[in-house]
PDB file of all heavy atoms in Angstrom:
ATOM      1  N   ALA A   1     -17.329  53.216 132.873  1.00  0.00           N
ATOM      2  CA  ALA A   1     -16.188  52.733 133.676  1.00  0.00           C
ATOM      3  C   ALA A   1     -16.400  51.323 134.162  1.00  0.00           C
ATOM      4  O   ALA A   1     -15.469  50.542 134.356  1.00  0.00           O
ATOM      5  CB  ALA A   1     -15.904  53.645 134.859  1.00  0.00           C
ATOM      6  N   MET A   2     -17.664  50.925 134.426  1.00  0.00           N
ATOM      7  CA  MET A   2     -17.977  49.602 134.908  1.00  0.00           C
ATOM      8  C   MET A   2     -18.123  48.599 133.734  1.00  0.00           C
ATOM      9  O   MET A   2     -18.461  47.440 133.928  1.00  0.00           O
ATOM     10  CB  MET A   2     -19.222  49.577 135.802  1.00  0.00           C
ATOM     11  CG  MET A   2     -20.530  49.802 135.054  1.00  0.00           C
ATOM     12  SD  MET A   2     -21.996  49.692 136.116  1.00  0.00           S
ATOM     13  CE  MET A   2     -22.036  47.909 136.388  1.00  0.00           C
ATOM     14  N   GLY A   3     -17.947  49.116 132.480  1.00  0.00           N
ATOM     15  CA  GLY A   3     -17.963  48.233 131.338  1.00  0.00           C
ATOM     16  C   GLY A   3     -19.302  48.112 130.576  1.00  0.00           C
ATOM     17  O   GLY A   3     -19.460  47.246 129.740  1.00  0.00           O
ATOM     18  N   ALA A   4     -20.231  49.042 130.888  1.00  0.00           N
ATOM     19  CA  ALA A   4     -21.516  49.024 130.218  1.00  0.00           C
ATOM     20  C   ALA A   4     -21.374  49.314 128.756  1.00  0.00           C
ATOM     21  O   ALA A   4     -20.581  50.172 128.353  1.00  0.00           O
ATOM     22  CB  ALA A   4     -22.490  50.002 130.876  1.00  0.00           C
ATOM     23  N   MET A   5     -22.089  48.590 127.899  1.00  0.00           N
ATOM     24  CA  MET A   5     -22.090  48.810 126.445  1.00  0.00           C
ATOM     25  C   MET A   5     -22.985  49.998 126.089  1.00  0.00           C
ATOM     26  O   MET A   5     -24.162  50.013 126.491  1.00  0.00           O
ATOM     27  CB  MET A   5     -22.628  47.590 125.762  1.00  0.00           C
ATOM     28  CG  MET A   5     -21.627  46.398 125.709  1.00  0.00           C
ATOM     29  SD  MET A   5     -20.359  46.659 124.464  1.00  0.00           S
ATOM     30  CE  MET A   5     -21.322  46.545 122.970  1.00  0.00           C
ATOM     31  N   ALA A   6     -22.444  50.937 125.364  1.00  0.00           N
ATOM     32  CA  ALA A   6     -23.246  52.073 124.865  1.00  0.00           C
ATOM     33  C   ALA A   6     -23.353  51.938 123.388  1.00  0.00           C
ATOM     34  O   ALA A   6     -22.402  51.550 122.684  1.00  0.00           O
ATOM     35  CB  ALA A   6     -22.569  53.408 125.237  1.00  0.00           C
ATOM     36  N   LEU A   7     -24.527  52.231 122.827  1.00  0.00           N
ATOM     37  CA  LEU A   7     -24.745  52.067 121.385  1.00  0.00           C
ATOM     38  C   LEU A   7     -24.134  53.231 120.633  1.00  0.00           C
ATOM     39  O   LEU A   7     -24.334  54.374 120.993  1.00  0.00           O
ATOM     40  CB  LEU A   7     -26.240  51.969 121.090  1.00  0.00           C
ATOM     41  CG  LEU A   7     -27.014  50.820 121.754  1.00  0.00           C
ATOM     42  CD1 LEU A   7     -28.459  50.811 121.301  1.00  0.00           C
ATOM     43  CD2 LEU A   7     -26.355  49.516 121.435  1.00  0.00           C
ATOM     44  N   PHE A   8     -23.394  52.882 119.595  1.00  0.00           N
ATOM     45  CA  PHE A   8     -22.753  53.909 118.748  1.00  0.00           C
ATOM     46  C   PHE A   8     -23.846  54.780 118.116  1.00  0.00           C
ATOM     47  O   PHE A   8     -24.802  54.283 117.551  1.00  0.00           O
ATOM     48  CB  PHE A   8     -21.892  53.252 117.683  1.00  0.00           C
ATOM     49  CG  PHE A   8     -21.193  54.220 116.781  1.00  0.00           C
ATOM     50  CD1 PHE A   8     -20.106  54.943 117.167  1.00  0.00           C
ATOM     51  CD2 PHE A   8     -21.720  54.458 115.499  1.00  0.00           C
ATOM     52  CE1 PHE A   8     -19.437  55.816 116.363  1.00  0.00           C
ATOM     53  CE2 PHE A   8     -21.118  55.378 114.656  1.00  0.00           C
ATOM     54  CZ  PHE A   8     -19.967  56.093 115.129  1.00  0.00           C
ATOM     55  N   GLY A   9     -23.670  56.077 118.197  1.00  0.00           N
ATOM     56  CA  GLY A   9     -24.601  57.007 117.552  1.00  0.00           C
ATOM     57  C   GLY A   9     -25.710  57.447 118.451  1.00  0.00           C
ATOM     58  O   GLY A   9     -26.450  58.411 118.142  1.00  0.00           O
ATOM     59  N   GLU A  10     -25.932  56.746 119.568  1.00  0.00           N
ATOM     60  CA  GLU A  10     -26.993  57.149 120.525  1.00  0.00           C
ATOM     61  C   GLU A  10     -26.463  58.320 121.436  1.00  0.00           C
ATOM     62  O   GLU A  10     -25.292  58.431 121.738  1.00  0.00           O
ATOM     63  CB  GLU A  10     -27.330  55.965 121.403  1.00  0.00           C
ATOM     64  CG  GLU A  10     -28.157  54.882 120.732  1.00  0.00           C
ATOM     65  CD  GLU A  10     -29.562  55.283 120.469  1.00  0.00           C
ATOM     66  OE1 GLU A  10     -30.062  56.146 121.246  1.00  0.00           O
ATOM     67  OE2 GLU A  10     -30.165  54.707 119.523  1.00  0.00           O
ATOM     68  N   LYS A  11     -27.430  59.157 121.785  1.00  0.00           N
ATOM     69  CA  LYS A  11     -27.126  60.254 122.692  1.00  0.00           C
ATOM     70  C   LYS A  11     -27.613  59.957 124.079  1.00  0.00           C
ATOM     71  O   LYS A  11     -28.777  59.564 124.255  1.00  0.00           O
ATOM     72  CB  LYS A  11     -27.733  61.607 122.167  1.00  0.00           C
ATOM     73  CG  LYS A  11     -27.128  62.047 120.825  1.00  0.00           C
ATOM     74  CD  LYS A  11     -27.781  63.347 120.385  1.00  0.00           C
ATOM     75  CE  LYS A  11     -27.145  63.881 119.080  1.00  0.00           C
ATOM     76  NZ  LYS A  11     -27.748  65.184 118.664  1.00  0.00           N
ATOM     77  N   TYR A  12     -26.754  60.115 125.042  1.00  0.00           N
ATOM     78  CA  TYR A  12     -27.130  59.803 126.420  1.00  0.00           C
ATOM     79  C   TYR A  12     -27.021  61.016 127.288  1.00  0.00           C
ATOM     80  O   TYR A  12     -26.189  61.916 127.100  1.00  0.00           O
ATOM     81  CB  TYR A  12     -26.177  58.687 126.961  1.00  0.00           C
ATOM     82  CG  TYR A  12     -26.307  57.370 126.252  1.00  0.00           C
ATOM     83  CD1 TYR A  12     -25.424  57.052 125.236  1.00  0.00           C
ATOM     84  CD2 TYR A  12     -27.274  56.464 126.616  1.00  0.00           C
ATOM     85  CE1 TYR A  12     -25.544  55.839 124.586  1.00  0.00           C
ATOM     86  CE2 TYR A  12     -27.393  55.240 125.966  1.00  0.00           C
ATOM     87  CZ  TYR A  12     -26.490  54.931 124.931  1.00  0.00           C
ATOM     88  OH  TYR A  12     -26.611  53.709 124.267  1.00  0.00           O
ATOM     89  N   GLY A  13     -27.858  61.057 128.332  1.00  0.00           N
ATOM     90  CA  GLY A  13     -27.803  62.191 129.295  1.00  0.00           C
ATOM     91  C   GLY A  13     -26.725  61.956 130.313  1.00  0.00           C
ATOM     92  O   GLY A  13     -25.963  60.988 130.238  1.00  0.00           O
ATOM     93  N   ASP A  14     -26.700  62.838 131.283  1.00  0.00           N
ATOM     94  CA  ASP A  14     -25.665  62.732 132.331  1.00  0.00           C
ATOM     95  C   ASP A  14     -25.918  61.537 133.213  1.00  0.00           C
ATOM     96  O   ASP A  14     -25.019  60.876 133.763  1.00  0.00           O
ATOM     97  CB  ASP A  14     -25.655  64.022 133.181  1.00  0.00           C
ATOM     98  CG  ASP A  14     -25.178  65.196 132.373  1.00  0.00           C
ATOM     99  OD1 ASP A  14     -24.454  64.970 131.417  1.00  0.00           O
ATOM    100  OD2 ASP A  14     -25.561  66.345 132.725  1.00  0.00           O
ATOM    101  N   VAL A  15     -27.250  61.192 133.392  1.00  0.00           N
ATOM    102  CA  VAL A  15     -27.584  60.057 134.214  1.00  0.00           C
ATOM    103  C   VAL A  15     -28.227  58.989 133.306  1.00  0.00           C
ATOM    104  O   VAL A  15     -29.106  59.322 132.502  1.00  0.00           O
ATOM    105  CB  VAL A  15     -28.558  60.427 135.345  1.00  0.00           C
ATOM    106  CG1 VAL A  15     -28.984  59.170 136.118  1.00  0.00           C
ATOM    107  CG2 VAL A  15     -27.979  61.483 136.279  1.00  0.00           C
ATOM    108  N   VAL A  16     -27.727  57.741 133.425  1.00  0.00           N
ATOM    109  CA  VAL A  16     -28.223  56.703 132.523  1.00  0.00           C
ATOM    110  C   VAL A  16     -28.674  55.512 133.361  1.00  0.00           C
ATOM    111  O   VAL A  16     -28.324  55.366 134.567  1.00  0.00           O
ATOM    112  CB  VAL A  16     -27.061  56.240 131.590  1.00  0.00           C
ATOM    113  CG1 VAL A  16     -26.754  57.337 130.604  1.00  0.00           C
ATOM    114  CG2 VAL A  16     -25.861  55.785 132.347  1.00  0.00           C
ATOM    115  N   ARG A  17     -29.433  54.669 132.748  1.00  0.00           N
ATOM    116  CA  ARG A  17     -29.914  53.427 133.376  1.00  0.00           C
ATOM    117  C   ARG A  17     -29.093  52.266 132.854  1.00  0.00           C
ATOM    118  O   ARG A  17     -28.971  52.063 131.636  1.00  0.00           O
ATOM    119  CB  ARG A  17     -31.406  53.208 133.103  1.00  0.00           C
ATOM    120  CG  ARG A  17     -32.035  52.011 133.713  1.00  0.00           C
ATOM    121  CD  ARG A  17     -33.523  52.063 133.503  1.00  0.00           C
ATOM    122  NE  ARG A  17     -34.272  50.972 134.096  1.00  0.00           N
ATOM    123  CZ  ARG A  17     -34.787  49.913 133.405  1.00  0.00           C
ATOM    124  NH1 ARG A  17     -34.570  49.858 132.104  1.00  0.00           N
ATOM    125  NH2 ARG A  17     -35.475  49.010 134.045  1.00  0.00           N
ATOM    126  N   VAL A  18     -28.589  51.467 133.738  1.00  0.00           N
ATOM    127  CA  VAL A  18     -27.782  50.298 133.391  1.00  0.00           C
ATOM    128  C   VAL A  18     -28.541  49.005 133.678  1.00  0.00           C
ATOM    129  O   VAL A  18     -29.102  48.850 134.787  1.00  0.00           O
ATOM    130  CB  VAL A  18     -26.432  50.251 134.182  1.00  0.00           C
ATOM    131  CG1 VAL A  18     -25.580  49.036 133.835  1.00  0.00           C
ATOM    132  CG2 VAL A  18     -25.646  51.543 133.893  1.00  0.00           C
ATOM    133  N   VAL A  19     -28.650  48.135 132.668  1.00  0.00           N
ATOM    134  CA  VAL A  19     -29.256  46.845 132.846  1.00  0.00           C
ATOM    135  C   VAL A  19     -28.159  45.784 132.853  1.00  0.00           C
ATOM    136  O   VAL A  19     -27.422  45.699 131.808  1.00  0.00           O
ATOM    137  CB  VAL A  19     -30.328  46.518 131.687  1.00  0.00           C
ATOM    138  CG1 VAL A  19     -30.868  45.129 131.866  1.00  0.00           C
ATOM    139  CG2 VAL A  19     -31.352  47.614 131.681  1.00  0.00           C
ATOM    140  N   ASN A  20     -28.066  45.045 133.911  1.00  0.00           N
ATOM    141  CA  ASN A  20     -26.899  44.164 134.103  1.00  0.00           C
ATOM    142  C   ASN A  20     -27.365  42.713 134.378  1.00  0.00           C
ATOM    143  O   ASN A  20     -28.167  42.474 135.284  1.00  0.00           O
ATOM    144  CB  ASN A  20     -26.040  44.695 135.272  1.00  0.00           C
ATOM    145  CG  ASN A  20     -24.859  43.805 135.515  1.00  0.00           C
ATOM    146  OD1 ASN A  20     -24.172  43.356 134.582  1.00  0.00           O
ATOM    147  ND2 ASN A  20     -24.487  43.596 136.806  1.00  0.00           N
ATOM    148  N   VAL A  21     -26.875  41.784 133.558  1.00  0.00           N
ATOM    149  CA  VAL A  21     -26.971  40.357 133.864  1.00  0.00           C
ATOM    150  C   VAL A  21     -25.571  39.976 134.346  1.00  0.00           C
ATOM    151  O   VAL A  21     -24.656  39.811 133.527  1.00  0.00           O
ATOM    152  CB  VAL A  21     -27.393  39.555 132.612  1.00  0.00           C
ATOM    153  CG1 VAL A  21     -27.499  38.069 132.968  1.00  0.00           C
ATOM    154  CG2 VAL A  21     -28.716  40.070 132.052  1.00  0.00           C
ATOM    155  N   PRO A  22     -25.371  39.871 135.678  1.00  0.00           N
ATOM    156  CA  PRO A  22     -24.026  39.760 136.239  1.00  0.00           C
ATOM    157  C   PRO A  22     -23.217  38.679 135.548  1.00  0.00           C
ATOM    158  O   PRO A  22     -23.637  37.567 135.339  1.00  0.00           O
ATOM    159  CB  PRO A  22     -24.343  39.405 137.718  1.00  0.00           C
ATOM    160  CG  PRO A  22     -25.626  40.033 137.969  1.00  0.00           C
ATOM    161  CD  PRO A  22     -26.423  39.876 136.685  1.00  0.00           C
ATOM    162  N   GLY A  23     -21.976  39.088 135.179  1.00  0.00           N
ATOM    163  CA  GLY A  23     -21.037  38.177 134.586  1.00  0.00           C
ATOM    164  C   GLY A  23     -21.264  37.853 133.142  1.00  0.00           C
ATOM    165  O   GLY A  23     -20.529  37.103 132.528  1.00  0.00           O
ATOM    166  N   PHE A  24     -22.303  38.465 132.515  1.00  0.00           N
ATOM    167  CA  PHE A  24     -22.572  38.158 131.133  1.00  0.00           C
ATOM    168  C   PHE A  24     -22.854  39.353 130.253  1.00  0.00           C
ATOM    169  O   PHE A  24     -22.269  39.503 129.189  1.00  0.00           O
ATOM    170  CB  PHE A  24     -23.781  37.200 131.049  1.00  0.00           C
ATOM    171  CG  PHE A  24     -23.951  36.488 129.710  1.00  0.00           C
ATOM    172  CD1 PHE A  24     -23.131  35.395 129.456  1.00  0.00           C
ATOM    173  CD2 PHE A  24     -24.819  36.929 128.796  1.00  0.00           C
ATOM    174  CE1 PHE A  24     -23.215  34.742 128.199  1.00  0.00           C
ATOM    175  CE2 PHE A  24     -24.936  36.285 127.551  1.00  0.00           C
ATOM    176  CZ  PHE A  24     -24.142  35.176 127.266  1.00  0.00           C
ATOM    177  N   SER A  25     -23.769  40.258 130.687  1.00  0.00           N
ATOM    178  CA  SER A  25     -24.156  41.373 129.830  1.00  0.00           C
ATOM    179  C   SER A  25     -24.376  42.633 130.679  1.00  0.00           C
ATOM    180  O   SER A  25     -25.100  42.543 131.738  1.00  0.00           O
ATOM    181  CB  SER A  25     -25.437  41.034 129.080  1.00  0.00           C
ATOM    182  OG  SER A  25     -26.018  42.149 128.477  1.00  0.00           O
ATOM    183  N   THR A  26     -23.815  43.777 130.296  1.00  0.00           N
ATOM    184  CA  THR A  26     -24.071  45.064 130.884  1.00  0.00           C
ATOM    185  C   THR A  26     -24.274  46.090 129.831  1.00  0.00           C
ATOM    186  O   THR A  26     -23.375  46.314 129.008  1.00  0.00           O
ATOM    187  CB  THR A  26     -22.874  45.459 131.816  1.00  0.00           C
ATOM    188  OG1 THR A  26     -22.618  44.392 132.733  1.00  0.00           O
ATOM    189  CG2 THR A  26     -23.228  46.727 132.559  1.00  0.00           C
ATOM    190  N   GLU A  27     -25.465  46.637 129.732  1.00  0.00           N
ATOM    191  CA  GLU A  27     -25.780  47.661 128.678  1.00  0.00           C
ATOM    192  C   GLU A  27     -26.548  48.814 129.265  1.00  0.00           C
ATOM    193  O   GLU A  27     -27.252  48.687 130.259  1.00  0.00           O
ATOM    194  CB  GLU A  27     -26.622  46.976 127.595  1.00  0.00           C
ATOM    195  CG  GLU A  27     -25.836  45.978 126.767  1.00  0.00           C
ATOM    196  CD  GLU A  27     -26.586  45.594 125.494  1.00  0.00           C
ATOM    197  OE1 GLU A  27     -27.328  46.473 124.961  1.00  0.00           O
ATOM    198  OE2 GLU A  27     -26.446  44.490 124.989  1.00  0.00           O
ATOM    199  N   LEU A  28     -26.396  49.952 128.565  1.00  0.00           N
ATOM    200  CA  LEU A  28     -27.211  51.103 128.929  1.00  0.00           C
ATOM    201  C   LEU A  28     -28.592  50.912 128.202  1.00  0.00           C
ATOM    202  O   LEU A  28     -28.626  50.682 127.004  1.00  0.00           O
ATOM    203  CB  LEU A  28     -26.582  52.393 128.381  1.00  0.00           C
ATOM    204  CG  LEU A  28     -25.163  52.670 128.846  1.00  0.00           C
ATOM    205  CD1 LEU A  28     -24.666  54.049 128.323  1.00  0.00           C
ATOM    206  CD2 LEU A  28     -25.038  52.599 130.361  1.00  0.00           C
ATOM    207  N   CYS A  29     -29.673  50.980 128.942  1.00  0.00           N
ATOM    208  CA  CYS A  29     -30.969  50.689 128.334  1.00  0.00           C
ATOM    209  C   CYS A  29     -32.080  51.246 129.249  1.00  0.00           C
ATOM    210  O   CYS A  29     -32.040  51.014 130.464  1.00  0.00           O
ATOM    211  CB  CYS A  29     -31.168  49.220 128.121  1.00  0.00           C
ATOM    212  SG  CYS A  29     -32.701  48.774 127.273  1.00  0.00           S
ATOM    213  N   GLY A  30     -33.049  51.803 128.621  1.00  0.00           N
ATOM    214  CA  GLY A  30     -34.195  52.365 129.404  1.00  0.00           C
ATOM    215  C   GLY A  30     -35.460  51.532 129.257  1.00  0.00           C
ATOM    216  O   GLY A  30     -36.545  51.925 129.708  1.00  0.00           O
ATOM    217  N   GLY A  31     -35.351  50.392 128.576  1.00  0.00           N
ATOM    218  CA  GLY A  31     -36.552  49.611 128.233  1.00  0.00           C
ATOM    219  C   GLY A  31     -36.995  48.675 129.353  1.00  0.00           C
ATOM    220  O   GLY A  31     -36.356  48.559 130.407  1.00  0.00           O
ATOM    221  N   THR A  32     -38.064  47.937 129.041  1.00  0.00           N
ATOM    222  CA  THR A  32     -38.630  46.988 130.000  1.00  0.00           C
ATOM    223  C   THR A  32     -37.954  45.671 129.871  1.00  0.00           C
ATOM    224  O   THR A  32     -37.619  45.174 128.757  1.00  0.00           O
ATOM    225  CB  THR A  32     -40.155  46.861 129.799  1.00  0.00           C
ATOM    226  OG1 THR A  32     -40.691  46.035 130.777  1.00  0.00           O
ATOM    227  CG2 THR A  32     -40.465  46.273 128.388  1.00  0.00           C
ATOM    228  N   HIS A  33     -37.731  44.985 130.995  1.00  0.00           N
ATOM    229  CA  HIS A  33     -36.979  43.718 131.058  1.00  0.00           C
ATOM    230  C   HIS A  33     -37.571  42.749 132.089  1.00  0.00           C
ATOM    231  O   HIS A  33     -38.318  43.217 133.003  1.00  0.00           O
ATOM    232  CB  HIS A  33     -35.467  43.971 131.386  1.00  0.00           C
ATOM    233  CG  HIS A  33     -34.733  44.640 130.323  1.00  0.00           C
ATOM    234  ND1 HIS A  33     -34.104  43.959 129.305  1.00  0.00           N
ATOM    235  CD2 HIS A  33     -34.499  45.955 130.077  1.00  0.00           C
ATOM    236  CE1 HIS A  33     -33.520  44.829 128.481  1.00  0.00           C
ATOM    237  NE2 HIS A  33     -33.726  46.030 128.916  1.00  0.00           N
ATOM    238  N   VAL A  34     -37.185  41.489 131.959  1.00  0.00           N
ATOM    239  CA  VAL A  34     -37.606  40.518 133.004  1.00  0.00           C
ATOM    240  C   VAL A  34     -36.766  40.798 134.245  1.00  0.00           C
ATOM    241  O   VAL A  34     -35.744  41.486 134.221  1.00  0.00           O
ATOM    242  CB  VAL A  34     -37.302  39.073 132.509  1.00  0.00           C
ATOM    243  CG1 VAL A  34     -38.146  38.740 131.265  1.00  0.00           C
ATOM    244  CG2 VAL A  34     -35.829  38.854 132.207  1.00  0.00           C
ATOM    245  N   ARG A  35     -37.239  40.295 135.369  1.00  0.00           N
ATOM    246  CA  ARG A  35     -36.487  40.468 136.598  1.00  0.00           C
ATOM    247  C   ARG A  35     -35.522  39.345 136.866  1.00  0.00           C
ATOM    248  O   ARG A  35     -34.519  39.503 137.621  1.00  0.00           O
ATOM    249  CB  ARG A  35     -37.496  40.550 137.787  1.00  0.00           C
ATOM    250  CG  ARG A  35     -38.505  41.666 137.712  1.00  0.00           C
ATOM    251  CD  ARG A  35     -37.780  43.042 137.617  1.00  0.00           C
ATOM    252  NE  ARG A  35     -38.713  44.137 137.541  1.00  0.00           N
ATOM    253  CZ  ARG A  35     -39.154  44.672 136.408  1.00  0.00           C
ATOM    254  NH1 ARG A  35     -38.767  44.149 135.219  1.00  0.00           N
ATOM    255  NH2 ARG A  35     -39.945  45.706 136.397  1.00  0.00           N
ATOM    256  N   ASN A  36     -35.724  38.222 136.185  1.00  0.00           N
ATOM    257  CA  ASN A  36     -34.842  37.061 136.285  1.00  0.00           C
ATOM    258  C   ASN A  36     -34.758  36.402 134.985  1.00  0.00           C
ATOM    259  O   ASN A  36     -35.789  36.225 134.277  1.00  0.00           O
ATOM    260  CB  ASN A  36     -35.305  36.088 137.362  1.00  0.00           C
ATOM    261  CG  ASN A  36     -34.315  34.956 137.647  1.00  0.00           C
ATOM    262  OD1 ASN A  36     -34.198  34.045 136.791  1.00  0.00           O
ATOM    263  ND2 ASN A  36     -33.645  34.994 138.726  1.00  0.00           N
ATOM    264  N   THR A  37     -33.552  36.009 134.529  1.00  0.00           N
ATOM    265  CA  THR A  37     -33.467  35.427 133.159  1.00  0.00           C
ATOM    266  C   THR A  37     -34.297  34.165 132.968  1.00  0.00           C
ATOM    267  O   THR A  37     -34.717  33.892 131.841  1.00  0.00           O
ATOM    268  CB  THR A  37     -31.977  35.088 132.867  1.00  0.00           C
ATOM    269  OG1 THR A  37     -31.467  34.112 133.839  1.00  0.00           O
ATOM    270  CG2 THR A  37     -31.086  36.310 132.874  1.00  0.00           C
TER     271      THR A  37
END
């Protein structure tokens, strides 16, 4: 609902992790990321 991109063919549970770069990118992802771009 908040516009997160979900990968086609991937299976997700009821609770997901959202990685958001405000105003640019919002995706469902459980991986490791930087804290600031």
